[in-house]
Amino acid sequence: MTERETWTIPAPAGGWSTPWPQCMELAAAIPSTQWTLVGGLMVQLHATAAGLAITRPTSDVDIVLHIETGATTSAKVTHRLIRLGYHLELSLDANAVAHRFRRGDDQIEVMIADHPAPKMVTIFGGRLPFRIPGGTQALKRTVDALIVSPTGEETLLSIPNQLWALVLKGAAYLEDSRDRGRHLEDAAVLSARISDPYDMLALLRGSDRSRITALHNALKDSASTAWLLLEEQYRQHAQDVLRILATNTVAPQVVKRLGE
């Protein structure tokens, strides 16, 4: 069995700001083997790991449950969240999905992957859950992220790795027309996180490339606002990464000369 990759990520300058304490509380109550962190905090974590300035604001914690492995169930997670003081917020529309848990101003968005096995489909408060586009692929390619507080306290989280965080953002960009600008800004940051895109070309499958291509097409203009959020020293590299992942199918072969 392949050993799971672990990243140790020290606190950024100024520490882990809101809603990170909420996320750490969640990780202490529900082990990271049962869920994966996505959304704005996922982007912040990748930015911190890469030494990038955090420009991505967020006010909630977005997670995807690992119901596909049997690691948890909606009932178990709901019970834990209720014990933490949260309640499930339901829409007046009986056909609407359920995914939001609130505790005052604190908010957790609980989702499942987009293609669970039929027997694994779960419910929250009698409602179907929100299925995150690209979630099935992303949950198969996660790493452990050990985040460290300024006082040395450690919290273990599960997040999609560099490539699949980007693919996940491509899926969100295609599916969520309400906030495409934010998804493009996230994609710019996540592109800067990838050091060698050629190493990752062979990993792309099915709709992965089309999702990345959609991001590339939307960000072809180097003067796009999304790119300007990156410090100049990282900007060109991030643009090259996205272009290579979107337009190359195989890594270039190194041709050795005689005698080498």
Protein backbone atom coordinates (compact mmCIF):
# COMPACT_ATOMS: atom_id res chain seq x y z
CA MET A 1 0.00 0.00 0.00
CA THR A 2 1.40 3.42 -0.97
CA GLU A 3 2.19 5.62 2.00
CA ARG A 4 -0.05 8.66 2.16
CA GLU A 5 1.72 11.95 1.45
CA THR A 6 1.83 14.41 4.34
CA TRP A 7 2.57 18.13 4.16
CA THR A 8 3.50 20.11 7.26
CA ILE A 9 2.31 23.70 6.92
CA PRO A 10 3.40 26.30 9.51
CA ALA A 11 1.05 29.16 10.33
CA PRO A 12 1.16 32.12 7.94
CA ALA A 13 2.14 35.58 9.14
CA GLY A 14 -0.57 36.68 11.54
CA GLY A 15 -1.64 33.11 12.32
CA TRP A 16 -4.68 31.16 11.18
CA SER A 17 -7.48 33.72 11.02
CA THR A 18 -11.24 33.16 11.00
CA PRO A 19 -12.71 30.68 10.12
CA TRP A 20 -9.61 28.52 10.75
CA PRO A 21 -10.34 28.06 14.48
CA GLN A 22 -13.75 26.71 13.45
CA CYS A 23 -12.08 24.28 11.02
CA MET A 24 -9.63 23.11 13.71
CA GLU A 25 -12.52 22.54 16.12
CA LEU A 26 -14.24 20.45 13.44
CA ALA A 27 -11.10 18.37 12.85
CA ALA A 28 -10.85 17.65 16.58
CA ALA A 29 -14.46 16.41 16.63
CA ILE A 30 -14.54 14.53 13.31
CA PRO A 31 -11.31 12.79 12.13
CA SER A 32 -9.89 13.90 8.78
CA THR A 33 -10.31 10.34 7.45
CA GLN A 34 -14.03 11.10 7.24
CA TRP A 35 -13.93 14.34 5.23
CA THR A 36 -11.82 16.48 2.91
CA LEU A 37 -11.48 20.25 3.05
CA VAL A 38 -12.41 22.15 -0.14
CA GLY A 39 -13.49 25.69 -1.00
CA GLY A 40 -11.80 28.86 0.18
CA LEU A 41 -9.85 27.30 3.04
CA MET A 42 -8.42 24.69 0.65
CA VAL A 43 -7.16 27.51 -1.57
CA GLN A 44 -5.73 29.36 1.44
CA LEU A 45 -3.93 26.21 2.57
CA HIS A 46 -2.33 25.65 -0.84
CA ALA A 47 -1.31 29.32 -0.95
CA THR A 48 0.29 29.08 2.49
CA ALA A 49 2.13 25.87 1.57
CA ALA A 50 3.56 27.63 -1.50
CA GLY A 51 4.57 30.75 0.40
CA LEU A 52 2.02 32.88 -1.45
CA ALA A 53 0.21 35.80 0.12
CA ILE A 54 -3.32 34.85 1.18
CA THR A 55 -5.76 37.02 -0.74
CA ARG A 56 -8.73 34.63 -0.74
CA PRO A 57 -11.34 35.72 1.85
CA THR A 58 -13.86 33.18 3.09
CA SER A 59 -16.28 33.01 5.99
CA ASP A 60 -17.25 29.34 6.02
CA VAL A 61 -15.78 25.85 6.12
CA ASP A 62 -16.52 23.66 3.07
CA ILE A 63 -16.11 19.90 3.40
CA VAL A 64 -16.83 16.78 1.35
CA LEU A 65 -17.73 13.64 3.29
CA HIS A 66 -16.03 10.32 2.56
CA ILE A 67 -19.25 8.35 2.38
CA GLU A 68 -17.91 6.48 -0.67
CA THR A 69 -15.49 4.55 1.56
CA GLY A 70 -17.95 3.95 4.37
CA ALA A 71 -15.77 6.09 6.65
CA THR A 72 -18.80 8.01 7.85
CA THR A 73 -22.50 8.65 7.29
CA SER A 74 -24.65 11.75 7.18
CA ALA A 75 -26.30 10.71 10.44
CA LYS A 76 -22.96 10.45 12.26
CA VAL A 77 -21.73 13.80 10.98
CA THR A 78 -25.03 15.51 11.76
CA HIS A 79 -24.89 14.14 15.31
CA ARG A 80 -21.33 15.44 15.82
CA LEU A 81 -22.21 18.87 14.44
CA ILE A 82 -25.28 19.14 16.66
CA ARG A 83 -23.07 18.34 19.66
CA LEU A 84 -20.84 21.23 18.59
CA GLY A 85 -23.86 23.53 18.62
CA TYR A 86 -24.72 23.60 14.91
CA HIS A 87 -28.13 23.09 13.34
CA LEU A 88 -29.06 22.06 9.81
CA GLU A 89 -30.51 24.95 7.82
CA LEU A 90 -33.27 23.83 5.46
CA SER A 91 -34.74 25.78 2.55
CA LEU A 92 -38.48 26.39 2.38
CA ASP A 93 -38.31 24.67 -0.99
CA ALA A 94 -38.88 20.99 -0.22
CA ASN A 95 -36.95 20.02 -3.36
CA ALA A 96 -33.83 21.99 -2.42
CA VAL A 97 -30.72 20.14 -1.30
CA ALA A 98 -29.49 20.33 2.30
CA HIS A 99 -25.88 21.21 3.00
CA ARG A 100 -25.58 24.17 5.38
CA PHE A 101 -25.02 23.89 9.12
CA ARG A 102 -25.07 27.07 11.21
CA ARG A 103 -24.01 28.09 14.71
CA GLY A 104 -24.59 31.81 15.04
CA ASP A 105 -22.28 33.38 12.47
CA ASP A 106 -20.33 30.13 12.00
CA GLN A 107 -21.17 28.11 8.92
CA ILE A 108 -20.14 24.69 7.59
CA GLU A 109 -21.09 23.52 4.09
CA VAL A 110 -21.30 19.71 4.07
CA MET A 111 -21.28 18.04 0.65
CA ILE A 112 -20.70 14.66 -0.98
CA ALA A 113 -18.91 13.66 -4.19
CA ASP A 114 -20.73 14.00 -7.50
CA HIS A 115 -20.82 10.30 -8.44
CA PRO A 116 -21.39 8.16 -5.33
CA ALA A 117 -22.51 4.55 -5.65
CA PRO A 118 -26.33 4.42 -5.45
CA LYS A 119 -26.22 2.53 -2.15
CA MET A 120 -24.04 5.29 -0.68
CA VAL A 121 -26.38 8.20 -1.45
CA THR A 122 -27.32 9.77 1.86
CA ILE A 123 -29.77 12.38 3.15
CA PHE A 124 -29.68 15.31 5.57
CA GLY A 125 -32.87 16.13 7.41
CA GLY A 126 -34.89 14.23 4.82
CA ARG A 127 -33.28 16.15 1.95
CA LEU A 128 -30.77 15.08 -0.67
CA PRO A 129 -27.23 16.45 -0.19
CA PHE A 130 -25.32 18.79 -2.47
CA ARG A 131 -23.02 16.90 -4.85
CA ILE A 132 -19.85 18.86 -5.55
CA PRO A 133 -18.76 18.75 -9.23
CA GLY A 134 -15.42 16.99 -9.59
CA GLY A 135 -15.61 15.69 -6.04
CA THR A 136 -15.33 12.00 -6.93
CA GLN A 137 -11.95 12.47 -8.61
CA ALA A 138 -10.70 14.90 -5.97
CA LEU A 139 -11.45 12.53 -3.08
CA LYS A 140 -9.29 9.86 -4.71
CA ARG A 141 -6.28 12.17 -4.78
CA THR A 142 -5.92 13.75 -1.39
CA VAL A 143 -2.98 14.37 0.91
CA ASP A 144 -2.68 14.91 4.65
CA ALA A 145 -2.00 18.51 5.61
CA LEU A 146 -0.62 18.98 9.11
CA ILE A 147 -1.18 22.60 10.01
CA VAL A 148 0.73 24.08 12.92
CA SER A 149 -0.46 26.98 15.07
CA PRO A 150 1.92 29.73 16.26
CA THR A 151 1.96 27.96 19.65
CA GLY A 152 2.88 24.61 18.11
CA GLU A 153 -0.53 22.92 18.21
CA GLU A 154 -1.08 20.55 15.29
CA THR A 155 -4.26 19.79 13.32
CA LEU A 156 -4.44 17.07 10.66
CA LEU A 157 -6.60 17.76 7.61
CA SER A 158 -7.29 16.06 4.29
CA ILE A 159 -7.15 18.21 1.13
CA PRO A 160 -7.00 17.53 -2.63
CA ASN A 161 -3.42 17.69 -3.90
CA GLN A 162 -2.19 20.49 -6.16
CA LEU A 163 -3.47 19.11 -9.46
CA TRP A 164 -6.85 17.94 -8.24
CA ALA A 165 -7.52 21.13 -6.35
CA LEU A 166 -7.12 22.86 -9.72
CA VAL A 167 -9.35 20.32 -11.50
CA LEU A 168 -11.96 20.83 -8.78
CA LYS A 169 -11.87 24.56 -9.44
CA GLY A 170 -12.31 23.93 -13.16
CA ALA A 171 -15.42 21.90 -12.41
CA ALA A 172 -16.76 24.66 -10.16
CA TYR A 173 -16.09 27.26 -12.85
CA LEU A 174 -18.10 25.27 -15.41
CA GLU A 175 -20.98 24.42 -13.09
CA ASP A 176 -21.35 27.56 -10.96
CA SER A 177 -22.11 30.57 -13.16
CA ARG A 178 -22.89 32.78 -10.16
CA ASP A 179 -19.30 33.28 -9.03
CA ARG A 180 -17.01 32.50 -11.94
CA GLY A 181 -14.69 35.40 -11.19
CA ARG A 182 -13.85 33.94 -7.78
CA HIS A 183 -13.23 30.51 -9.27
CA LEU A 184 -10.78 32.03 -11.76
CA GLU A 185 -8.95 33.86 -8.97
CA ASP A 186 -8.66 30.57 -7.07
CA ALA A 187 -7.40 28.83 -10.22
CA ALA A 188 -4.63 31.41 -10.64
CA VAL A 189 -3.40 30.75 -7.09
CA LEU A 190 -3.62 26.98 -7.47
CA SER A 191 -1.70 27.11 -10.77
CA ALA A 192 1.15 28.87 -8.97
CA ARG A 193 1.19 26.00 -6.46
CA ILE A 194 2.20 23.41 -9.13
CA SER A 195 5.97 23.24 -9.56
CA ASP A 196 6.28 20.89 -12.58
CA PRO A 197 3.16 20.53 -14.75
CA TYR A 198 4.87 18.06 -17.11
CA ASP A 199 5.01 15.52 -14.27
CA MET A 200 1.24 15.71 -13.98
CA LEU A 201 0.14 15.46 -17.62
CA ALA A 202 -0.13 11.66 -17.57
CA LEU A 203 -2.41 11.83 -14.52
CA LEU A 204 -5.20 13.70 -16.28
CA ARG A 205 -8.21 11.55 -17.12
CA GLY A 206 -11.56 12.01 -18.84
CA SER A 207 -13.07 15.38 -18.06
CA ASP A 208 -10.03 16.55 -16.06
CA ARG A 209 -8.39 18.18 -19.06
CA SER A 210 -11.60 19.84 -20.29
CA ARG A 211 -12.02 21.43 -16.87
CA ILE A 212 -8.48 22.79 -16.91
CA THR A 213 -8.87 23.89 -20.53
CA ALA A 214 -11.93 25.91 -19.56
CA LEU A 215 -9.86 27.74 -16.96
CA HIS A 216 -7.04 28.32 -19.45
CA ASN A 217 -9.42 29.72 -22.08
CA ALA A 218 -10.89 32.12 -19.53
CA LEU A 219 -7.46 33.22 -18.33
CA LYS A 220 -5.57 33.57 -21.63
CA ASP A 221 -5.29 37.31 -21.11
CA SER A 222 -2.21 37.82 -18.92
CA ALA A 223 -3.74 41.10 -17.72
CA SER A 224 -6.77 39.32 -16.26
CA THR A 225 -7.71 40.51 -12.78
CA ALA A 226 -7.24 36.97 -11.48
CA TRP A 227 -3.54 36.95 -12.45
CA LEU A 228 -2.98 40.37 -10.92
CA LEU A 229 -3.79 38.94 -7.50
CA LEU A 230 -0.52 36.98 -7.66
CA GLU A 231 2.77 38.61 -6.83
CA GLU A 232 4.66 39.32 -10.04
CA GLN A 233 7.40 36.78 -9.28
CA TYR A 234 4.83 33.94 -9.37
CA ARG A 235 2.57 35.20 -12.15
CA GLN A 236 4.40 33.98 -15.27
CA HIS A 237 5.04 30.55 -13.78
CA ALA A 238 1.35 30.12 -12.94
CA GLN A 239 0.33 31.14 -16.46
CA ASP A 240 2.80 28.66 -17.95
CA VAL A 241 1.51 25.87 -15.71
CA LEU A 242 -2.10 26.37 -16.78
CA ARG A 243 -1.14 26.59 -20.45
CA ILE A 244 0.95 23.39 -20.32
CA LEU A 245 -1.75 21.41 -18.52
CA ALA A 246 -4.41 22.59 -20.97
CA THR A 247 -2.52 22.23 -24.26
CA ASN A 248 -0.04 19.36 -23.84
CA THR A 249 -0.95 15.70 -23.91
CA VAL A 250 2.38 14.07 -23.07
CA ALA A 251 5.54 15.21 -21.37
CA PRO A 252 8.40 16.16 -23.71
CA GLN A 253 10.96 13.40 -24.17
CA VAL A 254 14.58 14.12 -23.40
CA VAL A 255 16.79 13.07 -26.31
CA LYS A 256 20.26 12.06 -25.20
CA ARG A 257 23.26 12.73 -27.38
CA LEU A 258 25.83 10.05 -28.09
CA GLY A 259 28.27 9.73 -25.27
CA GLU A 260 25.93 11.17 -22.65
